[in-house]
Amino acid sequence: MDGKGCVKVRTNCYSTPLKPGTRTQARLLPAYVEIWQERECVARHERSFSRYEQVLDLEHYLDVLERKPGALAGSSPLQQWRERGRWPESFDRLWQSLQERHGRYEGTREMIDLLTLGKRHGWDRLTKAVQESLALGCTDAAAVRHLVTTNELVRSRPEPFEVSGLERYDRPLPEMHEYDLLLNSGAVAGAEVAR
């Protein structure tokens, strides 16, 4: 693996989420290239039949971009996602709005945080949440985050249960008229003391 976290398979380089220098194995399939590390598939790319091409997945660089958010705008993985149709126009609209609201650096950081949600919860779910948020006129990252995780927030209602036998705890209401007499006699005595 090279210094950019890519594995060279024949003449092409394929990105991985692994640290540079990690030992890996590559499986060359008819339509895909799989990168394996310790019996686990860590990356799968569509196979490129070109020569000397870099095949990069933006998802593999999110950890680095969290530390260096300024690198997202001109990154090759982002450009490749746009070319492959994996970066919808709605992401650009949200990103632009986040930058206008929070500044270029913080807006990009918020966008990267949202992209990590896509990695965790699925890209289709994130795309749908971004589109729904924009349709509602809300361009806040917290709103998108809520829409992505809303299915996890739904709790099932408990089944109603029969309440019986509580009658034994019923007690008669207290008689308050004697207490009122004490209050009234105290008011009369207080008036005499005030004279």
C-alpha atoms as a PDB file:
ATOM      1  CA  MET A   1       0.000   0.000   0.000  1.00  0.00           C
ATOM      2  CA  ASP A   2       1.290   3.458  -0.854  1.00  0.00           C
ATOM      3  CA  GLY A   3       1.434   6.615   1.273  1.00  0.00           C
ATOM      4  CA  LYS A   4      -2.083   7.661   0.210  1.00  0.00           C
ATOM      5  CA  GLY A   5      -3.738   4.469   1.436  1.00  0.00           C
ATOM      6  CA  CYS A   6      -4.055   3.008  -2.069  1.00  0.00           C
ATOM      7  CA  VAL A   7      -3.291  -0.510  -3.239  1.00  0.00           C
ATOM      8  CA  LYS A   8      -1.784  -1.029  -6.651  1.00  0.00           C
ATOM      9  CA  VAL A   9      -3.488  -3.797  -8.624  1.00  0.00           C
ATOM     10  CA  ARG A  10      -1.789  -4.348 -11.961  1.00  0.00           C
ATOM     11  CA  THR A  11      -1.397  -0.791 -13.277  1.00  0.00           C
ATOM     12  CA  ASN A  12      -4.200   0.918 -11.308  1.00  0.00           C
ATOM     13  CA  CYS A  13      -4.392   2.159  -7.712  1.00  0.00           C
ATOM     14  CA  TYR A  14      -7.489   1.566  -5.562  1.00  0.00           C
ATOM     15  CA  SER A  15      -8.212   3.419  -2.319  1.00  0.00           C
ATOM     16  CA  THR A  16      -8.718   1.755   1.058  1.00  0.00           C
ATOM     17  CA  PRO A  17      -9.738   3.062   4.480  1.00  0.00           C
ATOM     18  CA  LEU A  18      -6.543   1.605   5.954  1.00  0.00           C
ATOM     19  CA  LYS A  19      -3.446   3.401   7.186  1.00  0.00           C
ATOM     20  CA  PRO A  20      -0.540   3.579   4.740  1.00  0.00           C
ATOM     21  CA  GLY A  21       1.846   0.646   5.047  1.00  0.00           C
ATOM     22  CA  THR A  22      -0.814  -1.873   6.102  1.00  0.00           C
ATOM     23  CA  ARG A  23      -0.428  -5.309   4.524  1.00  0.00           C
ATOM     24  CA  THR A  24      -3.314  -6.246   2.281  1.00  0.00           C
ATOM     25  CA  GLN A  25      -4.330  -8.713  -0.382  1.00  0.00           C
ATOM     26  CA  ALA A  26      -6.189  -7.866  -3.568  1.00  0.00           C
ATOM     27  CA  ARG A  27      -8.744 -10.047  -5.338  1.00  0.00           C
ATOM     28  CA  LEU A  28      -9.242  -9.289  -8.981  1.00  0.00           C
ATOM     29  CA  LEU A  29     -12.764 -10.254 -10.060  1.00  0.00           C
ATOM     30  CA  PRO A  30     -14.328  -9.756 -13.512  1.00  0.00           C
ATOM     31  CA  ALA A  31     -16.248  -6.600 -12.494  1.00  0.00           C
ATOM     32  CA  TYR A  32     -14.721  -5.662  -9.135  1.00  0.00           C
ATOM     33  CA  VAL A  33     -11.495  -5.344  -7.224  1.00  0.00           C
ATOM     34  CA  GLU A  34     -11.631  -6.308  -3.557  1.00  0.00           C
ATOM     35  CA  ILE A  35      -9.026  -5.363  -0.993  1.00  0.00           C
ATOM     36  CA  TRP A  36      -8.725  -7.750   1.952  1.00  0.00           C
ATOM     37  CA  GLN A  37      -6.951  -7.381   5.256  1.00  0.00           C
ATOM     38  CA  GLU A  38      -6.854 -10.199   7.798  1.00  0.00           C
ATOM     39  CA  ARG A  39      -9.741 -12.155   6.211  1.00  0.00           C
ATOM     40  CA  GLU A  40     -11.987  -9.097   5.988  1.00  0.00           C
ATOM     41  CA  CYS A  41     -12.968  -7.228   2.832  1.00  0.00           C
ATOM     42  CA  VAL A  42     -12.121  -3.586   3.617  1.00  0.00           C
ATOM     43  CA  ALA A  43     -12.743  -2.073   0.164  1.00  0.00           C
ATOM     44  CA  ARG A  44     -14.560  -2.985  -3.021  1.00  0.00           C
ATOM     45  CA  HIS A  45     -14.305  -0.955  -6.217  1.00  0.00           C
ATOM     46  CA  GLU A  46     -15.625  -1.329  -9.720  1.00  0.00           C
ATOM     47  CA  ARG A  47     -12.751  -2.655 -11.735  1.00  0.00           C
ATOM     48  CA  SER A  48     -11.056  -0.156 -14.024  1.00  0.00           C
ATOM     49  CA  PHE A  49      -9.845  -1.481 -17.355  1.00  0.00           C
ATOM     50  CA  SER A  50      -7.863   1.680 -18.062  1.00  0.00           C
ATOM     51  CA  ARG A  51      -4.183   1.919 -17.290  1.00  0.00           C
ATOM     52  CA  TYR A  52      -2.463   4.019 -14.605  1.00  0.00           C
ATOM     53  CA  GLU A  53      -5.744   5.214 -13.136  1.00  0.00           C
ATOM     54  CA  GLN A  54      -6.530   6.030  -9.512  1.00  0.00           C
ATOM     55  CA  VAL A  55      -9.890   4.709  -8.339  1.00  0.00           C
ATOM     56  CA  LEU A  56     -10.772   6.627  -5.179  1.00  0.00           C
ATOM     57  CA  ASP A  57     -13.717   6.396  -2.811  1.00  0.00           C
ATOM     58  CA  LEU A  58     -14.512   9.548  -0.823  1.00  0.00           C
ATOM     59  CA  GLU A  59     -15.727   7.396   2.054  1.00  0.00           C
ATOM     60  CA  HIS A  60     -12.165   6.140   2.569  1.00  0.00           C
ATOM     61  CA  TYR A  61     -10.868   9.676   3.170  1.00  0.00           C
ATOM     62  CA  LEU A  62     -13.474  11.007   5.624  1.00  0.00           C
ATOM     63  CA  ASP A  63     -11.227  10.452   8.658  1.00  0.00           C
ATOM     64  CA  VAL A  64      -8.464  12.528   7.049  1.00  0.00           C
ATOM     65  CA  LEU A  65     -10.922  15.189   5.902  1.00  0.00           C
ATOM     66  CA  GLU A  66     -12.250  15.588   9.458  1.00  0.00           C
ATOM     67  CA  ARG A  67      -8.776  16.810  10.418  1.00  0.00           C
ATOM     68  CA  LYS A  68      -8.268  18.806   7.200  1.00  0.00           C
ATOM     69  CA  PRO A  69     -11.687  19.938   5.984  1.00  0.00           C
ATOM     70  CA  GLY A  70     -10.232  22.468   3.564  1.00  0.00           C
ATOM     71  CA  ALA A  71      -9.026  19.604   1.377  1.00  0.00           C
ATOM     72  CA  LEU A  72     -12.546  18.428   0.496  1.00  0.00           C
ATOM     73  CA  ALA A  73     -13.359  21.038  -2.154  1.00  0.00           C
ATOM     74  CA  GLY A  74     -10.515  20.176  -4.518  1.00  0.00           C
ATOM     75  CA  SER A  75     -10.105  16.507  -3.660  1.00  0.00           C
ATOM     76  CA  SER A  76      -9.822  13.837  -6.327  1.00  0.00           C
ATOM     77  CA  PRO A  77     -12.206  11.465  -4.483  1.00  0.00           C
ATOM     78  CA  LEU A  78     -14.915  14.149  -4.521  1.00  0.00           C
ATOM     79  CA  GLN A  79     -14.332  14.787  -8.214  1.00  0.00           C
ATOM     80  CA  GLN A  80     -14.607  11.049  -8.946  1.00  0.00           C
ATOM     81  CA  TRP A  81     -17.840  10.800  -6.930  1.00  0.00           C
ATOM     82  CA  ARG A  82     -19.281  13.654  -8.977  1.00  0.00           C
ATOM     83  CA  GLU A  83     -18.241  11.980 -12.229  1.00  0.00           C
ATOM     84  CA  ARG A  84     -19.826   8.690 -11.137  1.00  0.00           C
ATOM     85  CA  GLY A  85     -23.051  10.368  -9.989  1.00  0.00           C
ATOM     86  CA  ARG A  86     -22.554   9.504  -6.320  1.00  0.00           C
ATOM     87  CA  TRP A  87     -22.515  13.179  -5.255  1.00  0.00           C
ATOM     88  CA  PRO A  88     -25.987  14.605  -5.874  1.00  0.00           C
ATOM     89  CA  GLU A  89     -26.629  18.274  -6.589  1.00  0.00           C
ATOM     90  CA  SER A  90     -28.540  18.501  -3.292  1.00  0.00           C
ATOM     91  CA  PHE A  91     -25.262  17.909  -1.402  1.00  0.00           C
ATOM     92  CA  ASP A  92     -23.714  20.938  -3.119  1.00  0.00           C
ATOM     93  CA  ARG A  93     -26.726  23.106  -2.278  1.00  0.00           C
ATOM     94  CA  LEU A  94     -26.588  22.081   1.382  1.00  0.00           C
ATOM     95  CA  TRP A  95     -22.807  22.509   1.524  1.00  0.00           C
ATOM     96  CA  GLN A  96     -23.079  26.002   0.009  1.00  0.00           C
ATOM     97  CA  SER A  97     -25.727  26.960   2.540  1.00  0.00           C
ATOM     98  CA  LEU A  98     -23.650  25.600   5.433  1.00  0.00           C
ATOM     99  CA  GLN A  99     -20.674  27.669   4.252  1.00  0.00           C
ATOM    100  CA  GLU A 100     -22.792  30.812   4.006  1.00  0.00           C
ATOM    101  CA  ARG A 101     -24.144  30.250   7.499  1.00  0.00           C
ATOM    102  CA  HIS A 102     -21.010  29.079   9.365  1.00  0.00           C
ATOM    103  CA  GLY A 103     -18.134  30.225   7.177  1.00  0.00           C
ATOM    104  CA  ARG A 104     -16.120  28.213   4.710  1.00  0.00           C
ATOM    105  CA  TYR A 105     -14.112  26.148   7.203  1.00  0.00           C
ATOM    106  CA  GLU A 106     -16.893  25.329   9.707  1.00  0.00           C
ATOM    107  CA  GLY A 107     -19.483  24.809   6.958  1.00  0.00           C
ATOM    108  CA  THR A 108     -17.208  22.271   5.276  1.00  0.00           C
ATOM    109  CA  ARG A 109     -16.578  20.577   8.629  1.00  0.00           C
ATOM    110  CA  GLU A 110     -20.348  20.261   9.150  1.00  0.00           C
ATOM    111  CA  MET A 111     -20.710  18.752   5.669  1.00  0.00           C
ATOM    112  CA  ILE A 112     -17.981  16.202   6.427  1.00  0.00           C
ATOM    113  CA  ASP A 113     -19.782  15.291   9.661  1.00  0.00           C
ATOM    114  CA  LEU A 114     -22.914  14.642   7.621  1.00  0.00           C
ATOM    115  CA  LEU A 115     -20.931  12.504   5.185  1.00  0.00           C
ATOM    116  CA  THR A 116     -19.790  10.324   8.075  1.00  0.00           C
ATOM    117  CA  LEU A 117     -23.488   9.747   8.805  1.00  0.00           C
ATOM    118  CA  GLY A 118     -23.824   8.459   5.251  1.00  0.00           C
ATOM    119  CA  LYS A 119     -20.972   6.073   5.885  1.00  0.00           C
ATOM    120  CA  ARG A 120     -22.647   4.830   9.073  1.00  0.00           C
ATOM    121  CA  HIS A 121     -26.349   4.833   8.113  1.00  0.00           C
ATOM    122  CA  GLY A 122     -26.205   4.448   4.345  1.00  0.00           C
ATOM    123  CA  TRP A 123     -25.836   6.907   1.471  1.00  0.00           C
ATOM    124  CA  ASP A 124     -29.397   6.522   0.254  1.00  0.00           C
ATOM    125  CA  ARG A 125     -30.680   7.464   3.691  1.00  0.00           C
ATOM    126  CA  LEU A 126     -28.416  10.520   3.861  1.00  0.00           C
ATOM    127  CA  THR A 127     -29.373  11.628   0.344  1.00  0.00           C
ATOM    128  CA  LYS A 128     -33.061  11.323   1.165  1.00  0.00           C
ATOM    129  CA  ALA A 129     -32.590  13.293   4.425  1.00  0.00           C
ATOM    130  CA  VAL A 130     -30.701  16.097   2.633  1.00  0.00           C
ATOM    131  CA  GLN A 131     -33.363  16.341  -0.068  1.00  0.00           C
ATOM    132  CA  GLU A 132     -36.159  16.336   2.520  1.00  0.00           C
ATOM    133  CA  SER A 133     -34.407  19.014   4.578  1.00  0.00           C
ATOM    134  CA  LEU A 134     -33.929  21.235   1.519  1.00  0.00           C
ATOM    135  CA  ALA A 135     -37.571  20.715   0.499  1.00  0.00           C
ATOM    136  CA  LEU A 136     -38.603  21.932   3.956  1.00  0.00           C
ATOM    137  CA  GLY A 137     -36.397  25.010   3.520  1.00  0.00           C
ATOM    138  CA  CYS A 138     -34.111  23.926   6.351  1.00  0.00           C
ATOM    139  CA  THR A 139     -30.387  23.958   5.661  1.00  0.00           C
ATOM    140  CA  ASP A 140     -29.102  23.141   9.119  1.00  0.00           C
ATOM    141  CA  ALA A 141     -26.859  20.117   9.690  1.00  0.00           C
ATOM    142  CA  ALA A 142     -28.726  19.256  12.901  1.00  0.00           C
ATOM    143  CA  ALA A 143     -31.985  18.937  10.938  1.00  0.00           C
ATOM    144  CA  VAL A 144     -30.364  16.577   8.434  1.00  0.00           C
ATOM    145  CA  ARG A 145     -28.825  14.592  11.296  1.00  0.00           C
ATOM    146  CA  HIS A 146     -32.263  14.297  12.880  1.00  0.00           C
ATOM    147  CA  LEU A 147     -33.866  13.142   9.637  1.00  0.00           C
ATOM    148  CA  VAL A 148     -31.166  10.502   9.149  1.00  0.00           C
ATOM    149  CA  THR A 149     -31.578   9.093  12.657  1.00  0.00           C
ATOM    150  CA  THR A 150     -35.332   9.596  13.044  1.00  0.00           C
ATOM    151  CA  ASN A 151     -36.093   5.895  12.502  1.00  0.00           C
ATOM    152  CA  GLU A 152     -33.958   5.066  15.510  1.00  0.00           C
ATOM    153  CA  LEU A 153     -35.855   7.586  17.649  1.00  0.00           C
ATOM    154  CA  VAL A 154     -39.268   5.999  17.127  1.00  0.00           C
ATOM    155  CA  ARG A 155     -40.237   3.977  20.146  1.00  0.00           C
ATOM    156  CA  SER A 156     -42.998   1.418  20.195  1.00  0.00           C
ATOM    157  CA  ARG A 157     -45.928   2.172  22.449  1.00  0.00           C
ATOM    158  CA  PRO A 158     -46.354  -0.190  25.362  1.00  0.00           C
ATOM    159  CA  GLU A 159     -49.359  -2.447  25.302  1.00  0.00           C
ATOM    160  CA  PRO A 160     -52.153  -1.346  27.650  1.00  0.00           C
ATOM    161  CA  PHE A 161     -52.562  -3.597  30.642  1.00  0.00           C
ATOM    162  CA  GLU A 162     -55.499  -4.315  32.930  1.00  0.00           C
ATOM    163  CA  VAL A 163     -55.435  -2.429  36.195  1.00  0.00           C
ATOM    164  CA  SER A 164     -57.402  -4.323  38.790  1.00  0.00           C
ATOM    165  CA  GLY A 165     -57.254  -4.632  42.531  1.00  0.00           C
ATOM    166  CA  LEU A 166     -56.384  -0.968  43.073  1.00  0.00           C
ATOM    167  CA  GLU A 167     -59.711  -0.333  44.802  1.00  0.00           C
ATOM    168  CA  ARG A 168     -58.199  -1.538  48.050  1.00  0.00           C
ATOM    169  CA  TYR A 169     -56.012   1.601  48.079  1.00  0.00           C
ATOM    170  CA  ASP A 170     -59.012   3.964  47.877  1.00  0.00           C
ATOM    171  CA  ARG A 171     -59.367   6.180  50.933  1.00  0.00           C
ATOM    172  CA  PRO A 172     -62.155   8.630  51.795  1.00  0.00           C
ATOM    173  CA  LEU A 173     -61.424  12.281  51.230  1.00  0.00           C
ATOM    174  CA  PRO A 174     -60.532  14.150  54.447  1.00  0.00           C
ATOM    175  CA  GLU A 175     -63.098  16.358  56.181  1.00  0.00           C
ATOM    176  CA  MET A 176     -61.795  19.916  56.051  1.00  0.00           C
ATOM    177  CA  HIS A 177     -64.515  21.847  57.890  1.00  0.00           C
ATOM    178  CA  GLU A 178     -62.786  21.473  61.303  1.00  0.00           C
ATOM    179  CA  TYR A 179     -59.551  22.763  59.815  1.00  0.00           C
ATOM    180  CA  ASP A 180     -61.425  25.759  58.404  1.00  0.00           C
ATOM    181  CA  LEU A 181     -62.763  26.515  61.891  1.00  0.00           C
ATOM    182  CA  LEU A 182     -59.190  26.577  63.222  1.00  0.00           C
ATOM    183  CA  LEU A 183     -58.164  28.977  60.487  1.00  0.00           C
ATOM    184  CA  ASN A 184     -61.106  31.270  61.192  1.00  0.00           C
ATOM    185  CA  SER A 185     -60.445  31.296  64.969  1.00  0.00           C
ATOM    186  CA  GLY A 186     -56.783  32.116  64.268  1.00  0.00           C
ATOM    187  CA  ALA A 187     -57.812  35.034  62.071  1.00  0.00           C
ATOM    188  CA  VAL A 188     -60.043  36.435  64.855  1.00  0.00           C
ATOM    189  CA  ALA A 189     -57.258  36.027  67.444  1.00  0.00           C
ATOM    190  CA  GLY A 190     -54.762  37.688  65.072  1.00  0.00           C
ATOM    191  CA  ALA A 191     -57.094  40.640  64.662  1.00  0.00           C
ATOM    192  CA  GLU A 192     -57.322  41.070  68.462  1.00  0.00           C
ATOM    193  CA  VAL A 193     -53.531  41.025  68.812  1.00  0.00           C
ATOM    194  CA  ALA A 194     -53.172  43.660  66.111  1.00  0.00           C
ATOM    195  CA  ARG A 195     -55.391  46.117  68.026  1.00  0.00           C
END
